[in-house]
Amino acid sequence: MAFDPLQQRGIPLDEQPRNWRELNVTPIDPDHADPYTRCRIITMNGIEAEAIQFSHQLARHCPDLEIRQQLARVRYIEAQQQKVVGWLLPGSSSVLETTIAYEQTAVDLTAWAARMEPDPYLKQAYQFGLLEHFDHLYRYANLYETIEHRGADKIVGRLTEVTPGRPTYLQHRDPLDNVRQPYDRSVTEPLSRLHALTITAAEQQAMTFSMIMGPSFMEPAARQLYQEIGLVQEGHLTHYESLVDPTESWWERLLNHEYNECYLYYSFMETEPDPKVKAVWELHLDMELEHLRLAAELFKRFDGRDPDQVLAPALPPPVTFEPNKGYLRDLLATQIDCTTLGTGYVREAHERFTRMQETVMGGEKPASERVIDDNRAISGREYRLETEGPHPAGLQLSR
């Protein structure tokens, strides 16, 4: 039976605060946990971080004291949820191991959105970004082998291949070419709204992680690679967030945020194999149902519309983390040479792209290429993880 979160009763807000013991969850075992369990944790960590930041921005634009107080109460619960979700990640993992898990999350989450997206323009946006996330995974995997002398298969579990995507050095573009056309809120399908919110939140979390953790390394190669990829992530965040219709009211945005949290917690509750983690998803879903009810009341009060005019009558099929190897190989074979021009895509370099490349490179080989050279010098080869035979010809992209 289809699940309609607007018709479900959640935990009353007064009953949602938890004590320290309840928040002190046991982290997953990095050596035995399903890699996609870690991806689900990383996804929901980003979703909760986005919920908190959005709520703060809404409160700063809201003159009504009573509503600001309600937002603060819900936001505190969101912050508790974020602490629980974030603290499921094991402290024993190195920064690079967590980074590789972030990139695996970006690859397979974006691939899911691209495969399921009904709007051709939005689908292209996700496919375009996907090939760049895929390359970041390859660069970080080589850095990991160089510094920690381990293979990334230990982290990704052979569920996600590690090979070159669209080369990272080609991802530095004039910022104005990162801005896409938004969907039209009056005609777009509800699923498209959810995809845009999810991928934007995930990219924002990845960018923030790079900003904070990059300077923590002593190795120059690591510092430089995190800096380079962090700048690309800023462009990616612009790329994804610009897909959202900016004419949506604050209350419509709040409604979409809460509905999306219900969607993702429900999805992961349905697909999570770890019973302890599954219990977290189930509890948080019960909390989010109440958050959604409160957001729906505000939407009806201030927008004068019924939530059913915006939201799907029931949740779409669950978001599923699963291998996307064939899908990625098809994109590598057909879209590797794309870049952006204005709000569209082209297959050849243009003046703004060339000028930006010259400015950013400064005549030097970028860190994303040097890290491959360094690993070849140390290991005698670059690190790759190919699980289904050789890749299509012509994709030897490191220069």
Protein backbone atom coordinates (compact mmCIF):
# COMPACT_ATOMS: atom_id res chain seq x y z
CA MET A 1 0.00 0.00 0.00
CA ALA A 2 1.30 3.49 -0.88
CA PHE A 3 2.58 5.51 2.07
CA ASP A 4 1.12 9.03 2.38
CA PRO A 5 2.98 10.88 5.14
CA LEU A 6 0.28 13.55 5.34
CA GLN A 7 -2.17 10.87 6.50
CA GLN A 8 0.15 9.40 9.15
CA ARG A 9 0.44 10.40 12.79
CA GLY A 10 3.92 11.03 14.15
CA ILE A 11 5.37 11.54 17.61
CA PRO A 12 4.03 14.75 19.23
CA LEU A 13 6.71 17.44 19.26
CA ASP A 14 6.70 17.68 23.07
CA GLU A 15 7.70 14.01 23.27
CA GLN A 16 10.59 14.19 20.79
CA PRO A 17 13.53 15.59 22.83
CA ARG A 18 15.99 12.85 23.87
CA ASN A 19 18.51 12.62 26.69
CA TRP A 20 22.27 12.17 26.34
CA ARG A 21 22.10 8.39 26.69
CA GLU A 22 19.64 8.13 23.82
CA LEU A 23 21.77 10.35 21.61
CA ASN A 24 24.94 8.38 22.33
CA VAL A 25 24.45 5.79 19.60
CA THR A 26 26.91 3.03 18.79
CA PRO A 27 28.68 3.73 15.49
CA ILE A 28 28.75 1.22 12.68
CA ASP A 29 31.71 -1.14 12.36
CA PRO A 30 33.73 0.18 9.39
CA ASP A 31 35.17 -3.27 8.66
CA HIS A 32 31.87 -5.15 8.55
CA ALA A 33 29.09 -2.65 7.77
CA ASP A 34 27.43 -2.63 4.36
CA PRO A 35 29.09 0.24 2.41
CA TYR A 36 25.63 1.46 1.43
CA THR A 37 24.65 1.70 5.11
CA ARG A 38 27.45 4.24 5.40
CA CYS A 39 26.14 6.00 2.27
CA ARG A 40 22.68 6.25 3.79
CA ILE A 41 24.17 7.72 6.96
CA ILE A 42 26.15 10.30 4.99
CA THR A 43 23.06 11.20 2.98
CA MET A 44 20.88 11.76 6.04
CA ASN A 45 23.64 13.68 7.79
CA GLY A 46 23.60 16.11 4.86
CA ILE A 47 19.80 16.23 4.78
CA GLU A 48 19.59 17.08 8.48
CA ALA A 49 22.35 19.68 8.17
CA GLU A 50 20.40 21.31 5.31
CA ALA A 51 17.19 21.22 7.40
CA ILE A 52 18.92 23.06 10.24
CA GLN A 53 20.49 25.68 7.97
CA PHE A 54 17.26 26.25 6.06
CA SER A 55 15.30 26.68 9.30
CA HIS A 56 17.80 29.28 10.52
CA GLN A 57 17.48 31.21 7.26
CA LEU A 58 13.69 31.09 7.46
CA ALA A 59 13.76 32.32 11.06
CA ARG A 60 15.97 35.27 10.07
CA HIS A 61 13.33 36.35 7.56
CA CYS A 62 10.28 35.73 9.75
CA PRO A 63 8.87 38.65 11.82
CA ASP A 64 6.41 36.51 13.80
CA LEU A 65 7.78 35.63 17.26
CA GLU A 66 5.46 32.65 17.77
CA ILE A 67 6.49 31.07 14.47
CA ARG A 68 10.17 31.67 15.18
CA GLN A 69 9.67 29.88 18.49
CA GLN A 70 8.01 26.93 16.76
CA LEU A 71 10.82 26.80 14.21
CA ALA A 72 13.34 26.79 17.07
CA ARG A 73 11.62 23.85 18.76
CA VAL A 74 11.57 21.79 15.56
CA ARG A 75 15.11 22.86 14.72
CA TYR A 76 16.38 21.59 18.06
CA ILE A 77 14.95 18.17 17.26
CA GLU A 78 16.55 18.33 13.80
CA ALA A 79 19.85 19.09 15.52
CA GLN A 80 19.43 16.07 17.78
CA GLN A 81 18.65 13.96 14.74
CA GLN A 82 21.76 15.22 12.99
CA LYS A 83 23.89 14.34 16.01
CA VAL A 84 22.52 10.81 16.10
CA VAL A 85 22.95 10.28 12.36
CA GLY A 86 26.38 11.89 12.16
CA TRP A 87 27.62 9.98 15.17
CA LEU A 88 26.73 6.66 13.52
CA LEU A 89 29.90 7.16 11.47
CA PRO A 90 32.90 5.46 13.10
CA GLY A 91 35.58 7.66 14.62
CA SER A 92 38.16 5.05 13.70
CA SER A 93 37.86 5.92 10.00
CA SER A 94 40.46 8.32 8.65
CA VAL A 95 39.47 11.56 6.95
CA LEU A 96 40.39 10.06 3.59
CA GLU A 97 38.30 6.96 4.21
CA THR A 98 35.32 9.13 5.09
CA THR A 99 35.98 11.27 2.01
CA ILE A 100 35.92 8.22 -0.25
CA ALA A 101 32.64 7.18 1.38
CA TYR A 102 31.30 10.68 0.67
CA GLU A 103 32.25 10.34 -2.99
CA GLN A 104 30.71 6.88 -3.27
CA THR A 105 27.54 8.39 -1.81
CA ALA A 106 27.63 11.22 -4.36
CA VAL A 107 28.11 8.79 -7.24
CA ASP A 108 25.37 6.31 -6.45
CA LEU A 109 22.87 8.82 -5.03
CA THR A 110 23.22 11.10 -8.06
CA ALA A 111 23.00 8.12 -10.39
CA TRP A 112 19.72 7.13 -8.74
CA ALA A 113 18.33 10.64 -9.16
CA ALA A 114 19.44 10.76 -12.80
CA ARG A 115 17.86 7.38 -13.57
CA MET A 116 14.56 8.21 -11.87
CA GLU A 117 14.24 11.89 -12.91
CA PRO A 118 11.24 12.47 -15.22
CA ASP A 119 12.34 15.91 -16.49
CA PRO A 120 14.93 15.64 -19.33
CA TYR A 121 16.65 18.93 -18.44
CA LEU A 122 17.01 17.98 -14.76
CA LYS A 123 18.12 14.48 -15.72
CA GLN A 124 20.91 16.00 -17.82
CA ALA A 125 22.00 18.14 -14.89
CA TYR A 126 22.41 15.07 -12.69
CA GLN A 127 24.13 13.06 -15.38
CA PHE A 128 26.56 15.91 -15.96
CA GLY A 129 27.48 16.20 -12.29
CA LEU A 130 27.64 12.43 -11.88
CA LEU A 131 30.62 12.03 -14.22
CA GLU A 132 32.48 14.63 -12.17
CA HIS A 133 31.70 13.02 -8.80
CA PHE A 134 32.92 9.77 -10.32
CA ASP A 135 36.27 11.33 -11.17
CA HIS A 136 36.67 12.74 -7.66
CA LEU A 137 36.30 9.22 -6.27
CA TYR A 138 39.12 8.09 -8.55
CA ARG A 139 41.42 10.96 -7.49
CA TYR A 140 40.82 10.44 -3.77
CA ALA A 141 41.29 6.66 -4.12
CA ASN A 142 44.74 7.26 -5.59
CA LEU A 143 45.59 9.72 -2.82
CA TYR A 144 44.43 7.13 -0.28
CA GLU A 145 46.72 4.47 -1.72
CA THR A 146 49.62 6.94 -1.83
CA ILE A 147 49.25 8.13 1.77
CA GLU A 148 47.67 5.21 3.62
CA HIS A 149 48.82 2.37 1.31
CA ARG A 150 45.36 0.81 1.09
CA GLY A 151 42.89 0.18 -1.67
CA ALA A 152 39.55 1.95 -1.84
CA ASP A 153 37.81 -1.40 -2.34
CA LYS A 154 38.08 -1.71 1.45
CA ILE A 155 35.59 1.17 1.64
CA VAL A 156 33.36 0.96 -1.43
CA GLY A 157 33.09 -2.83 -1.24
CA ARG A 158 33.36 -3.29 -5.00
CA LEU A 159 29.83 -1.91 -5.31
CA THR A 160 31.08 1.21 -7.08
CA GLU A 161 33.83 1.15 -9.66
CA VAL A 162 36.83 3.45 -9.33
CA THR A 163 38.04 4.68 -12.71
CA PRO A 164 38.48 8.10 -14.36
CA GLY A 165 35.40 10.19 -15.04
CA ARG A 166 35.37 13.63 -16.61
CA PRO A 167 38.85 14.83 -15.54
CA THR A 168 38.74 17.09 -12.51
CA TYR A 169 40.98 19.68 -14.13
CA LEU A 170 38.29 20.15 -16.82
CA GLN A 171 35.67 20.91 -14.17
CA HIS A 172 36.90 24.45 -13.49
CA ARG A 173 34.51 26.69 -15.42
CA ASP A 174 33.43 30.31 -15.39
CA PRO A 175 30.98 30.49 -12.44
CA LEU A 176 28.21 31.93 -14.61
CA ASP A 177 28.22 28.68 -16.61
CA ASN A 178 27.40 26.75 -13.42
CA VAL A 179 23.94 28.32 -13.14
CA ARG A 180 21.12 26.22 -14.57
CA GLN A 181 17.51 27.05 -15.40
CA PRO A 182 15.18 26.21 -12.49
CA TYR A 183 12.21 23.93 -12.75
CA ASP A 184 8.82 25.64 -12.91
CA ARG A 185 7.05 25.01 -9.61
CA SER A 186 3.63 25.31 -11.27
CA VAL A 187 4.15 22.32 -13.56
CA THR A 188 7.07 20.26 -12.25
CA GLU A 189 6.41 16.81 -10.86
CA PRO A 190 6.75 16.38 -7.06
CA LEU A 191 9.54 13.84 -7.55
CA SER A 192 11.66 16.45 -9.33
CA ARG A 193 11.43 18.74 -6.29
CA LEU A 194 12.60 15.93 -4.04
CA HIS A 195 15.56 15.07 -6.26
CA ALA A 196 16.70 18.69 -6.39
CA LEU A 197 16.51 19.08 -2.62
CA THR A 198 18.31 15.79 -1.96
CA ILE A 199 21.20 16.30 -4.38
CA THR A 200 21.65 19.94 -3.31
CA ALA A 201 21.84 18.95 0.36
CA ALA A 202 24.30 16.14 -0.37
CA GLU A 203 26.58 18.43 -2.39
CA GLN A 204 26.43 21.14 0.27
CA GLN A 205 27.52 18.62 2.90
CA ALA A 206 30.39 17.37 0.72
CA MET A 207 31.57 20.92 0.06
CA THR A 208 31.45 21.77 3.77
CA PHE A 209 33.38 18.61 4.62
CA SER A 210 36.14 19.55 2.15
CA MET A 211 36.29 23.10 3.51
CA ILE A 212 36.72 21.90 7.09
CA MET A 213 38.88 18.80 6.64
CA GLY A 214 41.17 19.83 3.78
CA PRO A 215 43.43 22.04 5.91
CA SER A 216 43.78 19.29 8.54
CA PHE A 217 46.27 17.36 6.38
CA MET A 218 50.01 17.79 6.60
CA GLU A 219 50.74 16.24 3.19
CA PRO A 220 50.89 18.94 0.49
CA ALA A 221 49.32 16.62 -2.10
CA ALA A 222 46.27 16.10 0.11
CA ARG A 223 45.88 19.77 0.98
CA GLN A 224 46.07 20.74 -2.68
CA LEU A 225 43.67 18.04 -3.87
CA TYR A 226 41.05 18.93 -1.27
CA GLN A 227 41.41 22.58 -2.24
CA GLU A 228 40.96 21.83 -5.94
CA ILE A 229 37.99 19.50 -5.53
CA GLY A 230 36.48 21.83 -2.92
CA LEU A 231 36.34 24.60 -5.51
CA VAL A 232 34.65 22.27 -7.97
CA GLN A 233 32.12 21.35 -5.28
CA GLU A 234 31.26 25.02 -4.88
CA GLY A 235 30.42 25.09 -8.58
CA HIS A 236 28.43 21.88 -8.22
CA LEU A 237 26.39 23.36 -5.40
CA THR A 238 25.59 26.34 -7.63
CA HIS A 239 24.69 23.89 -10.41
CA TYR A 240 22.25 21.92 -8.25
CA GLU A 241 20.69 24.64 -6.11
CA SER A 242 19.88 26.71 -9.20
CA LEU A 243 17.53 23.94 -10.33
CA VAL A 244 15.07 24.86 -7.56
CA ASP A 245 12.41 27.42 -8.52
CA PRO A 246 13.35 30.60 -6.60
CA THR A 247 9.73 31.82 -6.66
CA GLU A 248 8.66 29.14 -4.17
CA SER A 249 7.51 30.82 -0.97
CA TRP A 250 9.31 30.17 2.30
CA TRP A 251 6.37 28.02 3.44
CA GLU A 252 6.38 25.95 0.28
CA ARG A 253 10.08 25.38 0.68
CA LEU A 254 9.60 24.35 4.30
CA LEU A 255 6.86 21.94 3.26
CA ASN A 256 9.08 20.40 0.57
CA HIS A 257 11.98 20.06 3.00
CA GLU A 258 9.90 18.20 5.57
CA TYR A 259 8.24 15.98 2.96
CA ASN A 260 11.65 15.10 1.53
CA GLU A 261 12.93 14.10 4.97
CA CYS A 262 9.92 11.81 5.37
CA TYR A 263 10.61 10.36 1.93
CA LEU A 264 14.25 9.62 2.61
CA TYR A 265 13.79 8.22 6.11
CA TYR A 266 10.98 6.01 4.81
CA SER A 267 13.15 4.91 1.87
CA PHE A 268 16.08 3.98 4.06
CA MET A 269 13.88 2.31 6.67
CA GLU A 270 12.59 0.09 3.86
CA THR A 271 16.03 -0.78 2.46
CA GLU A 272 18.38 -0.78 5.49
CA PRO A 273 19.85 -4.22 6.41
CA ASP A 274 21.43 -3.13 9.73
CA PRO A 275 18.70 -3.47 12.41
CA LYS A 276 20.23 -0.85 14.73
CA VAL A 277 20.52 1.73 11.97
CA LYS A 278 17.09 0.79 10.64
CA ALA A 279 15.65 1.59 14.08
CA VAL A 280 17.11 5.10 13.82
CA TRP A 281 15.51 5.65 10.42
CA GLU A 282 12.15 4.42 11.76
CA LEU A 283 12.27 6.66 14.85
CA HIS A 284 13.29 9.71 12.84
CA LEU A 285 10.52 9.08 10.33
CA ASP A 286 7.99 9.12 13.17
CA MET A 287 9.43 12.47 14.27
CA GLU A 288 9.44 13.91 10.77
CA LEU A 289 5.78 13.07 10.28
CA GLU A 290 4.98 15.59 13.00
CA HIS A 291 7.38 18.15 11.53
CA LEU A 292 5.60 17.73 8.20
CA ARG A 293 2.20 18.21 9.84
CA LEU A 294 3.36 21.48 11.41
CA ALA A 295 4.87 22.67 8.11
CA ALA A 296 1.60 21.80 6.33
CA GLU A 297 -0.34 23.95 8.80
CA LEU A 298 1.97 26.91 8.17
CA PHE A 299 1.68 26.37 4.42
CA LYS A 300 -2.13 26.39 4.57
CA ARG A 301 -2.11 29.44 6.83
CA PHE A 302 0.29 31.63 4.85
CA ASP A 303 0.06 30.32 1.27
CA GLY A 304 -3.67 29.65 1.43
CA ARG A 305 -3.33 26.35 -0.39
CA ASP A 306 -3.74 22.71 0.46
CA PRO A 307 -0.48 20.73 0.66
CA ASP A 308 -1.93 18.21 -1.79
CA GLN A 309 -1.60 20.91 -4.46
CA VAL A 310 2.18 20.74 -4.09
CA LEU A 311 3.03 17.29 -2.76
CA ALA A 312 2.60 13.86 -4.27
CA PRO A 313 -0.48 11.94 -3.04
CA ALA A 314 1.90 9.25 -1.77
CA LEU A 315 5.64 8.76 -1.51
CA PRO A 316 7.45 7.74 -4.71
CA PRO A 317 9.27 4.39 -4.83
CA PRO A 318 12.03 4.29 -2.19
CA VAL A 319 15.42 5.79 -2.93
CA THR A 320 17.73 2.80 -3.26
CA PHE A 321 21.50 2.64 -3.03
CA GLU A 322 22.58 0.04 -5.54
CA PRO A 323 25.40 -0.47 -8.06
CA ASN A 324 25.21 1.77 -11.13
CA LYS A 325 28.18 0.40 -13.03
CA GLY A 326 26.47 -0.15 -16.38
CA TYR A 327 24.71 3.19 -16.23
CA LEU A 328 27.98 5.00 -15.54
CA ARG A 329 29.78 3.19 -18.31
CA ASP A 330 27.11 4.29 -20.77
CA LEU A 331 27.49 7.91 -19.65
CA LEU A 332 31.27 7.70 -19.88
CA ALA A 333 30.95 6.48 -23.44
CA THR A 334 28.48 9.17 -24.52
CA GLN A 335 28.84 12.30 -22.36
CA ILE A 336 32.46 12.49 -21.22
CA ASP A 337 33.22 15.47 -23.50
CA CYS A 338 30.36 17.71 -22.32
CA THR A 339 30.86 21.08 -20.67
CA THR A 340 28.47 23.92 -19.86
CA LEU A 341 27.73 27.14 -21.72
CA GLY A 342 25.22 29.45 -20.11
CA THR A 343 22.35 27.27 -18.88
CA GLY A 344 22.99 24.61 -21.51
CA TYR A 345 25.60 22.03 -22.48
CA VAL A 346 28.09 21.87 -25.35
CA ARG A 347 30.71 19.40 -26.51
CA GLU A 348 33.54 21.75 -27.32
CA ALA A 349 35.63 24.27 -25.39
CA HIS A 350 34.55 27.88 -25.68
CA GLU A 351 36.16 31.21 -24.84
CA ARG A 352 34.95 31.47 -21.23
CA PHE A 353 35.91 27.88 -20.50
CA THR A 354 39.39 28.32 -22.00
CA ARG A 355 39.96 31.59 -20.15
CA MET A 356 38.95 30.03 -16.83
CA GLN A 357 41.22 27.05 -17.42
CA GLU A 358 44.17 29.35 -18.07
CA THR A 359 43.39 31.42 -14.98
CA VAL A 360 43.00 28.52 -12.56
CA MET A 361 45.86 26.35 -13.88
CA GLY A 362 48.39 29.18 -14.01
CA GLY A 363 50.54 27.07 -16.31
CA GLU A 364 50.95 24.31 -13.69
CA LYS A 365 49.80 20.72 -13.60
CA PRO A 366 46.81 20.53 -11.23
CA ALA A 367 46.79 18.52 -8.00
CA SER A 368 44.15 16.16 -9.42
CA GLU A 369 46.64 15.03 -12.08
CA ARG A 370 49.74 15.07 -9.90
CA VAL A 371 48.11 12.72 -7.39
CA ILE A 372 47.88 10.09 -10.15
CA ASP A 373 51.53 10.62 -11.09
CA ASP A 374 52.53 10.30 -7.43
CA ASN A 375 50.75 6.99 -7.04
CA ARG A 376 52.26 5.63 -10.24
CA ALA A 377 55.70 6.55 -8.90
CA ILE A 378 55.06 4.82 -5.57
CA SER A 379 52.86 1.86 -6.55
CA GLY A 380 54.04 1.35 -10.11
CA ARG A 381 50.52 1.98 -11.41
CA GLU A 382 47.45 4.09 -10.72
CA TYR A 383 44.68 2.74 -8.54
CA ARG A 384 41.58 1.52 -10.34
CA LEU A 385 38.75 -0.78 -9.34
CA GLU A 386 37.11 -2.35 -12.40
CA THR A 387 34.69 -5.13 -11.60
CA GLU A 388 33.10 -5.96 -14.94
CA GLY A 389 35.86 -6.11 -17.55
CA PRO A 390 37.76 -3.30 -19.28
CA HIS A 391 36.19 0.09 -19.79
CA PRO A 392 35.29 1.51 -23.21
CA ALA A 393 38.27 2.52 -25.32
CA GLY A 394 39.35 6.13 -25.34
CA LEU A 395 38.79 6.84 -21.65
CA GLN A 396 42.42 6.98 -20.53
CA LEU A 397 41.94 10.52 -19.33
CA SER A 398 44.80 11.31 -16.97
CA ARG A 399 47.36 13.37 -18.78
